[in-house]
Amino acid sequence: MGRLITSLSKAFHNLRTRDHSRWFALGIDPEESTGDFAAQRVNRGYFRPIIEAGFTIGEKDRLYAIGSCFARNIETALLSAGVPVESAAEIYEDPRFNPDGIVGRGFINKYTTHAILNDLRWALDPDASFPEASLIDNGNGTF
Protein backbone atom coordinates (compact mmCIF):
# COMPACT_ATOMS: atom_id res chain seq x y z
CA MET A 1 0.00 0.00 0.00
CA GLY A 2 2.91 2.34 0.70
CA ARG A 3 4.01 2.23 -2.93
CA LEU A 4 0.51 3.15 -4.11
CA ILE A 5 0.39 6.10 -1.74
CA THR A 6 3.83 7.23 -2.90
CA SER A 7 2.77 6.93 -6.53
CA LEU A 8 -0.50 8.74 -5.83
CA SER A 9 1.19 11.56 -3.96
CA LYS A 10 3.78 11.85 -6.74
CA ALA A 11 1.01 11.99 -9.35
CA PHE A 12 -0.73 14.80 -7.46
CA HIS A 13 2.59 16.61 -7.04
CA ASN A 14 3.20 16.38 -10.79
CA LEU A 15 -0.31 17.62 -11.48
CA ARG A 16 0.15 20.66 -9.24
CA THR A 17 3.67 21.60 -10.36
CA ARG A 18 3.70 20.94 -14.10
CA ASP A 19 1.62 23.12 -16.37
CA HIS A 20 1.84 20.60 -19.19
CA SER A 21 0.06 18.02 -17.02
CA ARG A 22 -3.18 20.01 -17.15
CA TRP A 23 -5.66 20.84 -19.85
CA PHE A 24 -6.61 24.29 -18.59
CA ALA A 25 -6.26 26.74 -15.68
CA LEU A 26 -8.11 29.91 -14.81
CA GLY A 27 -6.31 32.98 -16.06
CA ILE A 28 -4.63 31.44 -19.11
CA ASP A 29 -5.46 32.44 -22.66
CA PRO A 30 -6.46 29.21 -24.42
CA GLU A 31 -5.87 30.89 -27.79
CA GLU A 32 -2.19 31.48 -26.91
CA SER A 33 -0.41 28.64 -28.71
CA THR A 34 2.95 29.10 -26.97
CA GLY A 35 1.69 28.14 -23.49
CA ASP A 36 2.34 24.83 -21.75
CA PHE A 37 -1.28 23.89 -21.03
CA ALA A 38 -2.83 21.32 -23.35
CA ALA A 39 -5.64 23.74 -24.29
CA GLN A 40 -2.90 25.99 -25.67
CA ARG A 41 -0.76 23.28 -27.26
CA VAL A 42 -3.66 22.07 -29.42
CA ASN A 43 -3.53 25.43 -31.22
CA ARG A 44 -0.12 24.64 -32.66
CA GLY A 45 0.35 23.03 -36.04
CA TYR A 46 0.42 19.66 -34.29
CA PHE A 47 -0.30 18.47 -30.77
CA ARG A 48 2.80 17.10 -29.08
CA PRO A 49 2.18 15.44 -25.73
CA ILE A 50 4.86 15.96 -23.10
CA ILE A 51 5.85 12.66 -21.58
CA GLU A 52 8.30 12.16 -18.74
CA ALA A 53 8.67 8.42 -18.30
CA GLY A 54 9.44 7.24 -14.80
CA PHE A 55 11.23 4.13 -16.11
CA THR A 56 13.43 2.89 -18.93
CA ILE A 57 13.39 -0.30 -20.94
CA GLY A 58 16.69 -1.99 -21.63
CA GLU A 59 17.84 -4.75 -23.97
CA LYS A 60 17.88 -7.29 -21.15
CA ASP A 61 14.36 -6.53 -19.92
CA ARG A 62 11.70 -9.12 -20.73
CA LEU A 63 8.42 -7.64 -21.88
CA TYR A 64 5.03 -9.19 -22.47
CA ALA A 65 2.06 -7.34 -23.97
CA ILE A 66 -1.42 -8.67 -23.36
CA GLY A 67 -4.65 -7.23 -24.70
CA SER A 68 -6.08 -6.39 -28.08
CA CYS A 69 -4.78 -4.37 -31.01
CA PHE A 70 -3.20 -1.77 -28.71
CA ALA A 71 -0.96 -4.48 -27.22
CA ARG A 72 -0.03 -5.70 -30.72
CA ASN A 73 0.90 -2.14 -31.77
CA ILE A 74 3.07 -1.74 -28.67
CA GLU A 75 4.75 -5.06 -29.55
CA THR A 76 5.39 -3.88 -33.10
CA ALA A 77 6.86 -0.55 -31.94
CA LEU A 78 9.12 -2.26 -29.41
CA LEU A 79 10.24 -4.93 -31.89
CA SER A 80 11.06 -2.27 -34.49
CA ALA A 81 13.19 -0.53 -31.85
CA GLY A 82 15.10 -3.78 -31.29
CA VAL A 83 13.50 -4.59 -27.93
CA PRO A 84 12.64 -8.28 -27.50
CA VAL A 85 8.98 -8.92 -26.65
CA GLU A 86 8.04 -12.32 -25.23
CA SER A 87 4.42 -12.07 -26.37
CA ALA A 88 5.36 -11.65 -30.04
CA ALA A 89 5.07 -15.38 -30.60
CA GLU A 90 6.15 -16.85 -33.90
CA ILE A 91 3.09 -19.11 -33.98
CA TYR A 92 1.25 -16.66 -36.22
CA GLU A 93 3.69 -17.62 -39.01
CA ASP A 94 2.96 -21.34 -38.56
CA PRO A 95 1.00 -22.64 -41.59
CA ARG A 96 -0.96 -25.00 -39.29
CA PHE A 97 -2.70 -21.98 -37.77
CA ASN A 98 -2.36 -19.46 -40.57
CA PRO A 99 -2.62 -21.39 -43.86
CA ASP A 100 -3.16 -18.27 -45.97
CA GLY A 101 -0.33 -16.33 -44.30
CA ILE A 102 -2.56 -13.31 -43.72
CA VAL A 103 -3.79 -13.62 -40.12
CA GLY A 104 -0.89 -11.93 -38.37
CA ARG A 105 -0.47 -11.62 -34.61
CA GLY A 106 -3.98 -10.28 -34.12
CA PHE A 107 -5.41 -13.73 -33.61
CA ILE A 108 -3.83 -13.85 -30.14
CA ASN A 109 -5.72 -10.71 -29.07
CA LYS A 110 -7.61 -10.73 -25.79
CA TYR A 111 -10.68 -8.51 -25.92
CA THR A 112 -12.03 -8.90 -22.41
CA THR A 113 -10.64 -8.68 -18.91
CA HIS A 114 -11.89 -12.24 -18.34
CA ALA A 115 -9.71 -13.57 -21.18
CA ILE A 116 -6.69 -11.67 -19.83
CA LEU A 117 -7.39 -12.91 -16.30
CA ASN A 118 -7.53 -16.51 -17.54
CA ASP A 119 -4.16 -16.17 -19.26
CA LEU A 120 -2.57 -14.63 -16.16
CA ARG A 121 -4.14 -17.23 -13.87
CA TRP A 122 -2.93 -20.10 -16.07
CA ALA A 123 0.56 -18.62 -16.22
CA LEU A 124 0.98 -17.64 -12.57
CA ASP A 125 -1.28 -19.86 -10.44
CA PRO A 126 0.16 -23.39 -10.05
CA ASP A 127 -3.26 -24.64 -8.91
CA ALA A 128 -5.18 -23.23 -11.88
CA SER A 129 -6.79 -25.75 -14.19
CA PHE A 130 -5.45 -25.21 -17.70
CA PRO A 131 -7.25 -26.82 -20.66
CA GLU A 132 -4.53 -29.10 -22.07
CA ALA A 133 -6.29 -29.07 -25.45
CA SER A 134 -5.13 -25.45 -25.69
CA LEU A 135 -1.46 -26.44 -25.75
CA ILE A 136 0.17 -26.38 -29.17
CA ASP A 137 3.22 -28.58 -29.61
CA ASN A 138 5.81 -26.76 -31.70
CA GLY A 139 7.76 -30.00 -32.09
CA ASN A 140 10.98 -28.60 -30.65
CA GLY A 141 10.30 -29.01 -26.95
CA THR A 142 8.27 -25.82 -26.71
CA PHE A 143 4.53 -25.37 -26.53
C-alpha atoms as a PDB file:
ATOM      1  CA  MET A   1       0.000   0.000   0.000  1.00  0.00           C
ATOM      2  CA  GLY A   2       2.907   2.342   0.699  1.00  0.00           C
ATOM      3  CA  ARG A   3       4.011   2.231  -2.931  1.00  0.00           C
ATOM      4  CA  LEU A   4       0.507   3.150  -4.110  1.00  0.00           C
ATOM      5  CA  ILE A   5       0.390   6.105  -1.741  1.00  0.00           C
ATOM      6  CA  THR A   6       3.834   7.230  -2.901  1.00  0.00           C
ATOM      7  CA  SER A   7       2.770   6.928  -6.528  1.00  0.00           C
ATOM      8  CA  LEU A   8      -0.500   8.735  -5.833  1.00  0.00           C
ATOM      9  CA  SER A   9       1.188  11.563  -3.961  1.00  0.00           C
ATOM     10  CA  LYS A  10       3.782  11.848  -6.738  1.00  0.00           C
ATOM     11  CA  ALA A  11       1.009  11.988  -9.346  1.00  0.00           C
ATOM     12  CA  PHE A  12      -0.733  14.795  -7.458  1.00  0.00           C
ATOM     13  CA  HIS A  13       2.585  16.614  -7.044  1.00  0.00           C
ATOM     14  CA  ASN A  14       3.198  16.379 -10.794  1.00  0.00           C
ATOM     15  CA  LEU A  15      -0.310  17.616 -11.478  1.00  0.00           C
ATOM     16  CA  ARG A  16       0.153  20.658  -9.237  1.00  0.00           C
ATOM     17  CA  THR A  17       3.668  21.602 -10.359  1.00  0.00           C
ATOM     18  CA  ARG A  18       3.701  20.936 -14.101  1.00  0.00           C
ATOM     19  CA  ASP A  19       1.618  23.122 -16.372  1.00  0.00           C
ATOM     20  CA  HIS A  20       1.841  20.597 -19.195  1.00  0.00           C
ATOM     21  CA  SER A  21       0.063  18.016 -17.017  1.00  0.00           C
ATOM     22  CA  ARG A  22      -3.185  20.014 -17.152  1.00  0.00           C
ATOM     23  CA  TRP A  23      -5.655  20.844 -19.846  1.00  0.00           C
ATOM     24  CA  PHE A  24      -6.608  24.291 -18.592  1.00  0.00           C
ATOM     25  CA  ALA A  25      -6.261  26.736 -15.680  1.00  0.00           C
ATOM     26  CA  LEU A  26      -8.110  29.907 -14.806  1.00  0.00           C
ATOM     27  CA  GLY A  27      -6.314  32.982 -16.059  1.00  0.00           C
ATOM     28  CA  ILE A  28      -4.632  31.442 -19.109  1.00  0.00           C
ATOM     29  CA  ASP A  29      -5.460  32.440 -22.663  1.00  0.00           C
ATOM     30  CA  PRO A  30      -6.463  29.206 -24.421  1.00  0.00           C
ATOM     31  CA  GLU A  31      -5.870  30.892 -27.793  1.00  0.00           C
ATOM     32  CA  GLU A  32      -2.189  31.475 -26.912  1.00  0.00           C
ATOM     33  CA  SER A  33      -0.409  28.639 -28.714  1.00  0.00           C
ATOM     34  CA  THR A  34       2.946  29.096 -26.974  1.00  0.00           C
ATOM     35  CA  GLY A  35       1.685  28.141 -23.491  1.00  0.00           C
ATOM     36  CA  ASP A  36       2.336  24.828 -21.752  1.00  0.00           C
ATOM     37  CA  PHE A  37      -1.278  23.892 -21.029  1.00  0.00           C
ATOM     38  CA  ALA A  38      -2.827  21.315 -23.355  1.00  0.00           C
ATOM     39  CA  ALA A  39      -5.642  23.744 -24.291  1.00  0.00           C
ATOM     40  CA  GLN A  40      -2.899  25.995 -25.674  1.00  0.00           C
ATOM     41  CA  ARG A  41      -0.756  23.280 -27.258  1.00  0.00           C
ATOM     42  CA  VAL A  42      -3.661  22.072 -29.424  1.00  0.00           C
ATOM     43  CA  ASN A  43      -3.531  25.432 -31.217  1.00  0.00           C
ATOM     44  CA  ARG A  44      -0.118  24.636 -32.657  1.00  0.00           C
ATOM     45  CA  GLY A  45       0.349  23.028 -36.040  1.00  0.00           C
ATOM     46  CA  TYR A  46       0.424  19.659 -34.288  1.00  0.00           C
ATOM     47  CA  PHE A  47      -0.298  18.466 -30.774  1.00  0.00           C
ATOM     48  CA  ARG A  48       2.799  17.095 -29.077  1.00  0.00           C
ATOM     49  CA  PRO A  49       2.177  15.442 -25.731  1.00  0.00           C
ATOM     50  CA  ILE A  50       4.863  15.959 -23.104  1.00  0.00           C
ATOM     51  CA  ILE A  51       5.850  12.655 -21.581  1.00  0.00           C
ATOM     52  CA  GLU A  52       8.297  12.161 -18.738  1.00  0.00           C
ATOM     53  CA  ALA A  53       8.665   8.417 -18.304  1.00  0.00           C
ATOM     54  CA  GLY A  54       9.443   7.236 -14.804  1.00  0.00           C
ATOM     55  CA  PHE A  55      11.233   4.131 -16.108  1.00  0.00           C
ATOM     56  CA  THR A  56      13.430   2.890 -18.926  1.00  0.00           C
ATOM     57  CA  ILE A  57      13.389  -0.305 -20.944  1.00  0.00           C
ATOM     58  CA  GLY A  58      16.692  -1.987 -21.629  1.00  0.00           C
ATOM     59  CA  GLU A  59      17.845  -4.749 -23.969  1.00  0.00           C
ATOM     60  CA  LYS A  60      17.879  -7.289 -21.148  1.00  0.00           C
ATOM     61  CA  ASP A  61      14.359  -6.529 -19.923  1.00  0.00           C
ATOM     62  CA  ARG A  62      11.704  -9.117 -20.730  1.00  0.00           C
ATOM     63  CA  LEU A  63       8.417  -7.636 -21.884  1.00  0.00           C
ATOM     64  CA  TYR A  64       5.028  -9.194 -22.468  1.00  0.00           C
ATOM     65  CA  ALA A  65       2.062  -7.336 -23.969  1.00  0.00           C
ATOM     66  CA  ILE A  66      -1.423  -8.674 -23.359  1.00  0.00           C
ATOM     67  CA  GLY A  67      -4.648  -7.230 -24.701  1.00  0.00           C
ATOM     68  CA  SER A  68      -6.078  -6.386 -28.083  1.00  0.00           C
ATOM     69  CA  CYS A  69      -4.777  -4.373 -31.007  1.00  0.00           C
ATOM     70  CA  PHE A  70      -3.201  -1.774 -28.707  1.00  0.00           C
ATOM     71  CA  ALA A  71      -0.958  -4.484 -27.224  1.00  0.00           C
ATOM     72  CA  ARG A  72      -0.030  -5.702 -30.722  1.00  0.00           C
ATOM     73  CA  ASN A  73       0.895  -2.142 -31.769  1.00  0.00           C
ATOM     74  CA  ILE A  74       3.071  -1.744 -28.665  1.00  0.00           C
ATOM     75  CA  GLU A  75       4.745  -5.062 -29.546  1.00  0.00           C
ATOM     76  CA  THR A  76       5.389  -3.879 -33.098  1.00  0.00           C
ATOM     77  CA  ALA A  77       6.864  -0.553 -31.938  1.00  0.00           C
ATOM     78  CA  LEU A  78       9.120  -2.262 -29.406  1.00  0.00           C
ATOM     79  CA  LEU A  79      10.240  -4.926 -31.891  1.00  0.00           C
ATOM     80  CA  SER A  80      11.057  -2.270 -34.494  1.00  0.00           C
ATOM     81  CA  ALA A  81      13.187  -0.529 -31.847  1.00  0.00           C
ATOM     82  CA  GLY A  82      15.098  -3.785 -31.290  1.00  0.00           C
ATOM     83  CA  VAL A  83      13.498  -4.591 -27.926  1.00  0.00           C
ATOM     84  CA  PRO A  84      12.638  -8.280 -27.498  1.00  0.00           C
ATOM     85  CA  VAL A  85       8.983  -8.915 -26.647  1.00  0.00           C
ATOM     86  CA  GLU A  86       8.039 -12.322 -25.227  1.00  0.00           C
ATOM     87  CA  SER A  87       4.420 -12.073 -26.365  1.00  0.00           C
ATOM     88  CA  ALA A  88       5.358 -11.647 -30.035  1.00  0.00           C
ATOM     89  CA  ALA A  89       5.067 -15.383 -30.605  1.00  0.00           C
ATOM     90  CA  GLU A  90       6.152 -16.851 -33.904  1.00  0.00           C
ATOM     91  CA  ILE A  91       3.089 -19.106 -33.983  1.00  0.00           C
ATOM     92  CA  TYR A  92       1.250 -16.655 -36.224  1.00  0.00           C
ATOM     93  CA  GLU A  93       3.686 -17.620 -39.007  1.00  0.00           C
ATOM     94  CA  ASP A  94       2.957 -21.344 -38.560  1.00  0.00           C
ATOM     95  CA  PRO A  95       0.998 -22.638 -41.589  1.00  0.00           C
ATOM     96  CA  ARG A  96      -0.961 -25.001 -39.287  1.00  0.00           C
ATOM     97  CA  PHE A  97      -2.703 -21.977 -37.766  1.00  0.00           C
ATOM     98  CA  ASN A  98      -2.361 -19.457 -40.573  1.00  0.00           C
ATOM     99  CA  PRO A  99      -2.616 -21.393 -43.857  1.00  0.00           C
ATOM    100  CA  ASP A 100      -3.163 -18.266 -45.973  1.00  0.00           C
ATOM    101  CA  GLY A 101      -0.329 -16.333 -44.303  1.00  0.00           C
ATOM    102  CA  ILE A 102      -2.558 -13.310 -43.718  1.00  0.00           C
ATOM    103  CA  VAL A 103      -3.795 -13.624 -40.123  1.00  0.00           C
ATOM    104  CA  GLY A 104      -0.887 -11.925 -38.369  1.00  0.00           C
ATOM    105  CA  ARG A 105      -0.467 -11.616 -34.607  1.00  0.00           C
ATOM    106  CA  GLY A 106      -3.981 -10.277 -34.121  1.00  0.00           C
ATOM    107  CA  PHE A 107      -5.411 -13.726 -33.610  1.00  0.00           C
ATOM    108  CA  ILE A 108      -3.826 -13.850 -30.135  1.00  0.00           C
ATOM    109  CA  ASN A 109      -5.719 -10.709 -29.071  1.00  0.00           C
ATOM    110  CA  LYS A 110      -7.614 -10.728 -25.793  1.00  0.00           C
ATOM    111  CA  TYR A 111     -10.675  -8.510 -25.924  1.00  0.00           C
ATOM    112  CA  THR A 112     -12.029  -8.905 -22.411  1.00  0.00           C
ATOM    113  CA  THR A 113     -10.640  -8.678 -18.905  1.00  0.00           C
ATOM    114  CA  HIS A 114     -11.890 -12.237 -18.344  1.00  0.00           C
ATOM    115  CA  ALA A 115      -9.707 -13.566 -21.175  1.00  0.00           C
ATOM    116  CA  ILE A 116      -6.693 -11.666 -19.829  1.00  0.00           C
ATOM    117  CA  LEU A 117      -7.395 -12.908 -16.297  1.00  0.00           C
ATOM    118  CA  ASN A 118      -7.533 -16.506 -17.541  1.00  0.00           C
ATOM    119  CA  ASP A 119      -4.163 -16.170 -19.262  1.00  0.00           C
ATOM    120  CA  LEU A 120      -2.567 -14.632 -16.161  1.00  0.00           C
ATOM    121  CA  ARG A 121      -4.137 -17.232 -13.874  1.00  0.00           C
ATOM    122  CA  TRP A 122      -2.934 -20.096 -16.074  1.00  0.00           C
ATOM    123  CA  ALA A 123       0.564 -18.618 -16.225  1.00  0.00           C
ATOM    124  CA  LEU A 124       0.979 -17.638 -12.568  1.00  0.00           C
ATOM    125  CA  ASP A 125      -1.277 -19.859 -10.444  1.00  0.00           C
ATOM    126  CA  PRO A 126       0.161 -23.386 -10.053  1.00  0.00           C
ATOM    127  CA  ASP A 127      -3.263 -24.638  -8.912  1.00  0.00           C
ATOM    128  CA  ALA A 128      -5.175 -23.230 -11.885  1.00  0.00           C
ATOM    129  CA  SER A 129      -6.791 -25.754 -14.189  1.00  0.00           C
ATOM    130  CA  PHE A 130      -5.448 -25.205 -17.702  1.00  0.00           C
ATOM    131  CA  PRO A 131      -7.254 -26.816 -20.657  1.00  0.00           C
ATOM    132  CA  GLU A 132      -4.533 -29.097 -22.067  1.00  0.00           C
ATOM    133  CA  ALA A 133      -6.291 -29.066 -25.451  1.00  0.00           C
ATOM    134  CA  SER A 134      -5.130 -25.455 -25.693  1.00  0.00           C
ATOM    135  CA  LEU A 135      -1.457 -26.444 -25.747  1.00  0.00           C
ATOM    136  CA  ILE A 136       0.171 -26.376 -29.171  1.00  0.00           C
ATOM    137  CA  ASP A 137       3.223 -28.580 -29.606  1.00  0.00           C
ATOM    138  CA  ASN A 138       5.810 -26.756 -31.699  1.00  0.00           C
ATOM    139  CA  GLY A 139       7.763 -30.003 -32.087  1.00  0.00           C
ATOM    140  CA  ASN A 140      10.979 -28.600 -30.655  1.00  0.00           C
ATOM    141  CA  GLY A 141      10.305 -29.014 -26.948  1.00  0.00           C
ATOM    142  CA  THR A 142       8.271 -25.819 -26.709  1.00  0.00           C
ATOM    143  CA  PHE A 143       4.525 -25.369 -26.527  1.00  0.00           C
END
